[in-house]
Amino acid sequence: MSSRTRTIATQVRAYDSAALAEAAALIVAGEPVAVPTETVYGLAADATSELAVARIYAAKGRPSFNPLIVHVADLDMARRLVAFSPAAEALARAFWPGALTMVLPRLPDCPVAALASAGLPTLAIRFPSHPAMRALIQVAGVPLAAPSANLSGSISPTRAQHVLASLGGRIPFILDAGPASDGLESTIVRPQEKAIVLLRPGPVTPDAIEAATGLPVIGAQGEGVTAPGQLESHYAPAKPIVLDCIEPQPGDFHIGFGPGPCHRNLSPAGDLVEAAAGLFAALYEADASPFPRISVAPLPLRGIGLAINDRLRRAAA
């Protein structure tokens, strides 16, 4: 049976030393396992193994032209994979470990599988802050390719049960360390000499990036897919979504923000960080409800609100 069609019994284990050792053994054996990061749950596998990376794509049903983020345990591991410019060094000092991914040139002897880069000469790389992901990298002894642990294009998982609902029967193991704290995938940038190109908004905001580097943050211009999270339709529930909805219809599951009636409120106090942390869980709840349509209240386009609105726009596409 091929890796694309195989059916696997999926085990969910609470995070402890024994579960960590079991997850690392599966990584060494070339299998993908789900593990939490501070952003969302990731589907991790040995980034240096073409077969292991191929199993990520197969489990997710992910198109092979869409590159993966490679996670490292420390800055030294990153330096063995990619070339750092002065701007990249400044970003690493300011935001690593944390929710920032940089797209940097692969070194000539970079051991990461070409499939993880989708054949590009660059690598999307991140040094996460979540202790479970960092421990798994250290115990397995290899960098881990890890996109979100869900079927391609569907809602990103922020809890172990979200992963099980999406990938149960397709992966062998889920390491459950509770909800992801940030709730949105990492910011992705490509540092240049005179500017920082924003490829995907996320928890690290453009204002923070400009303050750390002294360089302007600019948008990507018609480059195609050069980093994860750039597909126009992405993070999507099965039901249609109406955005910026002030007056929901009777048939809507309404996701609110700030004061007002709704089925699920991202933040009654209007806190964008709280809203980001609960966004994907709210979409999961709405998708599982009996309502035929999802509506979402307007959210401000400032700070992390830029990333929230980006995910909602792609979910509704």
Protein backbone atom coordinates (compact mmCIF):
# COMPACT_ATOMS: atom_id res chain seq x y z
CA MET A 1 0.00 0.00 0.00
CA SER A 2 1.38 3.46 -0.89
CA SER A 3 1.99 6.14 1.73
CA ARG A 4 -0.82 8.16 0.13
CA THR A 5 -3.48 5.49 0.69
CA ARG A 6 -2.31 3.69 3.81
CA THR A 7 -4.55 3.68 6.87
CA ILE A 8 -2.83 4.06 10.24
CA ALA A 9 -4.07 3.73 13.80
CA THR A 10 -3.56 7.18 15.31
CA GLN A 11 -2.41 7.28 18.95
CA VAL A 12 -2.89 10.42 21.09
CA ARG A 13 -0.53 10.73 24.07
CA ALA A 14 -0.28 13.49 26.67
CA TYR A 15 3.08 15.22 26.60
CA ASP A 16 5.60 13.69 29.01
CA SER A 17 9.08 12.15 28.71
CA ALA A 18 7.76 8.75 27.59
CA ALA A 19 5.48 10.25 24.94
CA LEU A 20 8.33 12.47 23.74
CA ALA A 21 10.62 9.45 23.36
CA GLU A 22 7.94 7.59 21.41
CA ALA A 23 7.38 10.56 19.09
CA ALA A 24 11.13 10.91 18.50
CA ALA A 25 11.45 7.21 17.68
CA LEU A 26 8.74 7.60 15.03
CA ILE A 27 10.57 10.63 13.59
CA VAL A 28 13.80 8.61 13.35
CA ALA A 29 11.83 5.83 11.62
CA GLY A 30 10.69 8.30 8.95
CA GLU A 31 7.12 8.81 10.16
CA PRO A 32 5.30 12.13 10.64
CA VAL A 33 3.89 12.99 14.07
CA ALA A 34 1.70 15.87 15.20
CA VAL A 35 3.23 18.16 17.82
CA PRO A 36 2.21 21.54 19.24
CA THR A 37 4.02 24.77 18.62
CA GLU A 38 3.19 28.17 20.06
CA THR A 39 1.35 29.00 16.80
CA VAL A 40 -0.65 25.88 15.80
CA TYR A 41 -0.13 22.10 15.89
CA GLY A 42 2.41 21.01 13.28
CA LEU A 43 2.83 17.75 11.37
CA ALA A 44 6.52 17.10 11.92
CA ALA A 45 8.93 14.75 10.15
CA ASP A 46 12.67 14.47 9.55
CA ALA A 47 13.43 17.37 7.21
CA THR A 48 16.56 15.61 5.90
CA SER A 49 14.63 12.57 4.61
CA GLU A 50 12.86 12.79 1.24
CA LEU A 51 10.61 9.86 2.23
CA ALA A 52 9.65 11.39 5.57
CA VAL A 53 8.86 14.74 3.91
CA ALA A 54 6.86 12.95 1.21
CA ARG A 55 4.78 11.34 3.96
CA ILE A 56 3.87 14.82 5.24
CA TYR A 57 2.61 15.80 1.80
CA ALA A 58 0.73 12.50 1.46
CA ALA A 59 -0.95 12.70 4.87
CA LYS A 60 -2.07 16.28 4.29
CA GLY A 61 -2.93 15.91 0.61
CA ARG A 62 -0.72 18.96 0.15
CA PRO A 63 0.39 20.06 -3.36
CA SER A 64 4.11 19.48 -3.81
CA PHE A 65 4.69 23.02 -5.14
CA ASN A 66 3.81 24.40 -1.67
CA PRO A 67 7.02 24.50 0.44
CA LEU A 68 7.24 23.56 4.13
CA ILE A 69 8.65 25.37 7.15
CA VAL A 70 11.67 23.67 8.70
CA HIS A 71 11.95 24.00 12.49
CA VAL A 72 15.28 24.05 14.32
CA ALA A 73 16.25 23.64 17.97
CA ASP A 74 18.62 26.61 18.09
CA LEU A 75 20.38 29.22 16.00
CA ASP A 76 23.43 27.02 15.45
CA MET A 77 21.25 24.40 13.74
CA ALA A 78 19.78 27.12 11.51
CA ARG A 79 23.25 28.32 10.52
CA ARG A 80 24.04 24.84 9.19
CA LEU A 81 21.10 25.05 6.79
CA VAL A 82 20.77 28.61 5.46
CA ALA A 83 22.77 31.79 4.85
CA PHE A 84 22.07 34.73 7.18
CA SER A 85 22.24 38.31 5.94
CA PRO A 86 22.61 41.24 8.39
CA ALA A 87 18.84 41.80 8.23
CA ALA A 88 18.20 38.11 8.98
CA GLU A 89 20.59 38.29 11.93
CA ALA A 90 18.67 41.27 13.32
CA LEU A 91 15.37 39.44 12.95
CA ALA A 92 16.75 36.33 14.64
CA ARG A 93 18.04 38.37 17.58
CA ALA A 94 14.70 40.12 17.99
CA PHE A 95 12.17 37.31 17.44
CA TRP A 96 13.79 33.89 17.85
CA PRO A 97 12.72 31.70 19.46
CA GLY A 98 9.23 32.69 18.40
CA ALA A 99 6.56 32.99 15.74
CA LEU A 100 8.70 34.34 12.90
CA THR A 101 9.69 32.30 9.83
CA MET A 102 12.40 33.56 7.50
CA VAL A 103 12.87 32.49 3.88
CA LEU A 104 16.63 32.38 3.38
CA PRO A 105 19.05 30.95 0.79
CA ARG A 106 19.91 27.28 1.29
CA LEU A 107 23.60 26.61 1.88
CA PRO A 108 25.33 24.50 -0.79
CA ASP A 109 25.62 21.54 1.61
CA CYS A 110 22.18 22.00 3.21
CA PRO A 111 20.98 18.49 4.18
CA VAL A 112 17.25 19.35 4.07
CA ALA A 113 15.30 17.39 1.46
CA ALA A 114 14.69 19.34 -1.75
CA LEU A 115 11.01 18.41 -1.49
CA ALA A 116 10.70 20.49 1.69
CA SER A 117 11.73 23.55 -0.35
CA ALA A 118 9.47 22.56 -3.27
CA GLY A 119 12.60 22.70 -5.44
CA LEU A 120 13.32 26.34 -4.59
CA PRO A 121 16.85 27.58 -3.73
CA THR A 122 15.49 28.97 -0.46
CA LEU A 123 14.31 27.43 2.79
CA ALA A 124 11.55 28.62 5.12
CA ILE A 125 13.04 28.25 8.58
CA ARG A 126 11.88 28.91 12.15
CA PHE A 127 13.22 28.53 15.68
CA PRO A 128 10.04 27.87 17.72
CA SER A 129 9.57 28.72 21.38
CA HIS A 130 7.22 25.87 22.35
CA PRO A 131 9.02 23.44 24.69
CA ALA A 132 7.42 20.31 23.18
CA MET A 133 8.53 21.11 19.63
CA ARG A 134 12.01 22.15 20.74
CA ALA A 135 12.40 19.01 22.84
CA LEU A 136 11.28 16.80 19.94
CA ILE A 137 13.88 18.36 17.62
CA GLN A 138 16.60 17.87 20.22
CA VAL A 139 15.71 14.26 21.03
CA ALA A 140 15.25 13.27 17.37
CA GLY A 141 18.50 15.05 16.50
CA VAL A 142 17.31 16.47 13.16
CA PRO A 143 15.54 19.60 11.93
CA LEU A 144 11.82 18.99 11.50
CA ALA A 145 9.71 19.98 8.52
CA ALA A 146 6.32 20.83 10.01
CA PRO A 147 3.35 22.41 8.25
CA SER A 148 0.06 22.67 10.13
CA ALA A 149 -1.32 19.26 11.16
CA ASN A 150 -4.50 19.23 9.09
CA LEU A 151 -5.71 18.27 5.65
CA SER A 152 -4.40 20.75 3.10
CA GLY A 153 -6.54 23.86 2.80
CA SER A 154 -8.70 23.15 5.85
CA ILE A 155 -8.82 24.91 9.22
CA SER A 156 -5.50 24.93 11.05
CA PRO A 157 -5.49 22.96 14.34
CA THR A 158 -4.87 24.57 17.69
CA ARG A 159 -5.74 21.51 19.81
CA ALA A 160 -4.94 17.80 19.63
CA GLN A 161 -8.60 16.93 19.00
CA HIS A 162 -8.56 19.18 15.92
CA VAL A 163 -5.64 17.15 14.56
CA LEU A 164 -7.39 13.87 15.28
CA ALA A 165 -10.56 15.04 13.52
CA SER A 166 -8.58 16.02 10.41
CA LEU A 167 -5.75 13.47 10.20
CA GLY A 168 -6.97 10.52 12.28
CA GLY A 169 -6.13 7.32 10.39
CA ARG A 170 -3.48 9.12 8.29
CA ILE A 171 -0.70 9.65 10.87
CA PRO A 172 0.56 7.40 13.68
CA PHE A 173 0.93 9.78 16.63
CA ILE A 174 -0.31 13.04 18.16
CA LEU A 175 1.64 14.58 21.03
CA ASP A 176 -0.95 16.45 23.12
CA ALA A 177 0.46 19.37 25.13
CA GLY A 178 -2.73 21.42 25.30
CA PRO A 179 -3.91 24.34 23.18
CA ALA A 180 -1.49 26.39 21.08
CA SER A 181 -1.11 29.81 22.68
CA ASP A 182 -0.84 32.15 19.67
CA GLY A 183 -3.51 30.44 17.56
CA LEU A 184 -2.22 31.77 14.21
CA GLU A 185 0.57 30.49 12.01
CA SER A 186 3.90 32.30 12.11
CA THR A 187 4.70 35.49 10.27
CA ILE A 188 6.78 34.71 7.17
CA VAL A 189 9.28 37.20 5.75
CA ARG A 190 12.09 37.28 3.22
CA PRO A 191 14.83 39.68 4.37
CA GLN A 192 16.42 41.78 1.64
CA GLU A 193 19.22 44.35 1.78
CA LYS A 194 16.92 47.39 1.82
CA ALA A 195 13.54 45.96 2.83
CA ILE A 196 11.76 43.04 4.49
CA VAL A 197 9.26 41.30 2.20
CA LEU A 198 6.15 40.17 4.07
CA LEU A 199 5.05 36.82 2.62
CA ARG A 200 2.44 35.95 5.28
CA PRO A 201 1.22 38.13 8.17
CA GLY A 202 1.20 36.56 11.62
CA PRO A 203 1.83 37.21 15.31
CA VAL A 204 5.00 39.25 14.64
CA THR A 205 3.65 42.49 13.19
CA PRO A 206 5.15 44.71 10.47
CA ASP A 207 5.65 47.52 13.00
CA ALA A 208 7.69 45.23 15.23
CA ILE A 209 9.77 44.04 12.26
CA GLU A 210 10.51 47.61 11.15
CA ALA A 211 11.49 48.56 14.70
CA ALA A 212 13.88 45.60 14.95
CA THR A 213 15.60 46.07 11.59
CA GLY A 214 15.22 49.73 10.66
CA LEU A 215 13.98 48.51 7.26
CA PRO A 216 10.57 49.02 5.64
CA VAL A 217 8.21 46.05 5.37
CA ILE A 218 6.83 45.63 1.84
CA GLY A 219 4.42 43.20 0.22
CA ALA A 220 5.37 40.42 -2.20
CA GLN A 221 4.71 41.29 -5.82
CA GLY A 222 3.43 38.54 -8.14
CA GLU A 223 6.02 35.89 -7.31
CA GLY A 224 3.78 32.82 -7.16
CA VAL A 225 4.06 30.43 -4.22
CA THR A 226 7.47 31.02 -2.61
CA ALA A 227 6.51 30.26 0.99
CA PRO A 228 3.85 28.36 2.95
CA GLY A 229 0.42 29.91 3.44
CA GLN A 230 0.28 31.82 0.16
CA LEU A 231 -2.45 29.81 -1.57
CA GLU A 232 -5.46 32.03 -2.23
CA SER A 233 -7.92 29.51 -0.73
CA HIS A 234 -6.61 28.18 2.56
CA TYR A 235 -7.55 27.60 6.23
CA ALA A 236 -11.09 26.89 5.03
CA PRO A 237 -14.08 25.25 6.74
CA ALA A 238 -16.56 23.26 4.65
CA LYS A 239 -19.28 25.90 5.02
CA PRO A 240 -19.45 29.28 3.25
CA ILE A 241 -18.20 32.28 5.20
CA VAL A 242 -19.45 35.87 5.13
CA LEU A 243 -16.92 38.39 6.41
CA ASP A 244 -17.37 41.83 7.99
CA CYS A 245 -20.90 40.88 8.93
CA ILE A 246 -22.66 43.42 11.15
CA GLU A 247 -26.18 41.95 10.84
CA PRO A 248 -26.01 38.13 10.68
CA GLN A 249 -28.85 36.17 9.12
CA PRO A 250 -30.95 33.67 11.13
CA GLY A 251 -29.17 30.74 9.44
CA ASP A 252 -25.67 31.93 10.36
CA PHE A 253 -23.32 30.69 13.04
CA HIS A 254 -22.07 34.14 13.97
CA ILE A 255 -18.54 34.68 15.25
CA GLY A 256 -18.40 37.95 17.10
CA PHE A 257 -15.74 40.42 18.19
CA GLY A 258 -16.41 42.97 20.90
CA PRO A 259 -19.83 43.48 22.48
CA GLY A 260 -22.93 42.07 20.82
CA PRO A 261 -24.89 38.83 20.37
CA CYS A 262 -23.12 35.91 18.72
CA HIS A 263 -22.63 32.15 18.99
CA ARG A 264 -18.89 32.42 19.70
CA ASN A 265 -17.07 35.63 20.61
CA LEU A 266 -13.40 35.89 19.70
CA SER A 267 -12.96 38.59 22.35
CA PRO A 268 -15.83 40.36 24.12
CA ALA A 269 -13.31 43.03 25.20
CA GLY A 270 -12.08 43.59 21.63
CA ASP A 271 -8.59 42.20 22.32
CA LEU A 272 -6.96 41.18 19.02
CA VAL A 273 -4.41 38.87 20.66
CA GLU A 274 -7.23 36.98 22.39
CA ALA A 275 -9.10 36.88 19.08
CA ALA A 276 -6.11 35.40 17.25
CA ALA A 277 -5.68 32.67 19.86
CA GLY A 278 -9.31 31.56 19.48
CA LEU A 279 -9.87 32.05 15.75
CA PHE A 280 -9.35 28.53 14.43
CA ALA A 281 -11.13 26.93 17.40
CA ALA A 282 -14.11 29.17 16.63
CA LEU A 283 -14.08 28.11 12.97
CA TYR A 284 -13.95 24.44 14.01
CA GLU A 285 -16.96 24.98 16.30
CA ALA A 286 -18.88 26.81 13.58
CA ASP A 287 -18.11 24.13 11.01
CA ALA A 288 -19.38 21.40 13.37
CA SER A 289 -22.59 23.29 14.19
CA PRO A 290 -25.97 22.63 12.46
CA PHE A 291 -25.94 26.13 10.92
CA PRO A 292 -25.45 26.14 7.11
CA ARG A 293 -23.35 29.32 6.97
CA ILE A 294 -20.70 31.12 9.03
CA SER A 295 -20.59 34.87 9.47
CA VAL A 296 -17.81 36.83 11.13
CA ALA A 297 -17.94 40.29 12.64
CA PRO A 298 -15.51 42.96 11.39
CA LEU A 299 -12.07 42.96 12.99
CA PRO A 300 -9.67 45.93 12.88
CA LEU A 301 -6.86 45.93 10.32
CA ARG A 302 -4.11 46.79 12.77
CA GLY A 303 -1.40 44.81 14.58
CA ILE A 304 -2.19 41.10 14.63
CA GLY A 305 -5.59 42.00 13.15
CA LEU A 306 -3.82 42.06 9.77
CA ALA A 307 -3.02 38.35 10.18
CA ILE A 308 -6.51 37.48 11.43
CA ASN A 309 -8.12 39.18 8.45
CA ASP A 310 -5.65 37.47 6.09
CA ARG A 311 -6.67 34.03 7.40
CA LEU A 312 -10.36 34.89 7.23
CA ARG A 313 -10.05 36.18 3.66
CA ARG A 314 -8.34 32.98 2.53
CA ALA A 315 -10.87 30.86 4.45
CA ALA A 316 -13.70 32.62 2.61
CA ALA A 317 -12.08 32.46 -0.85
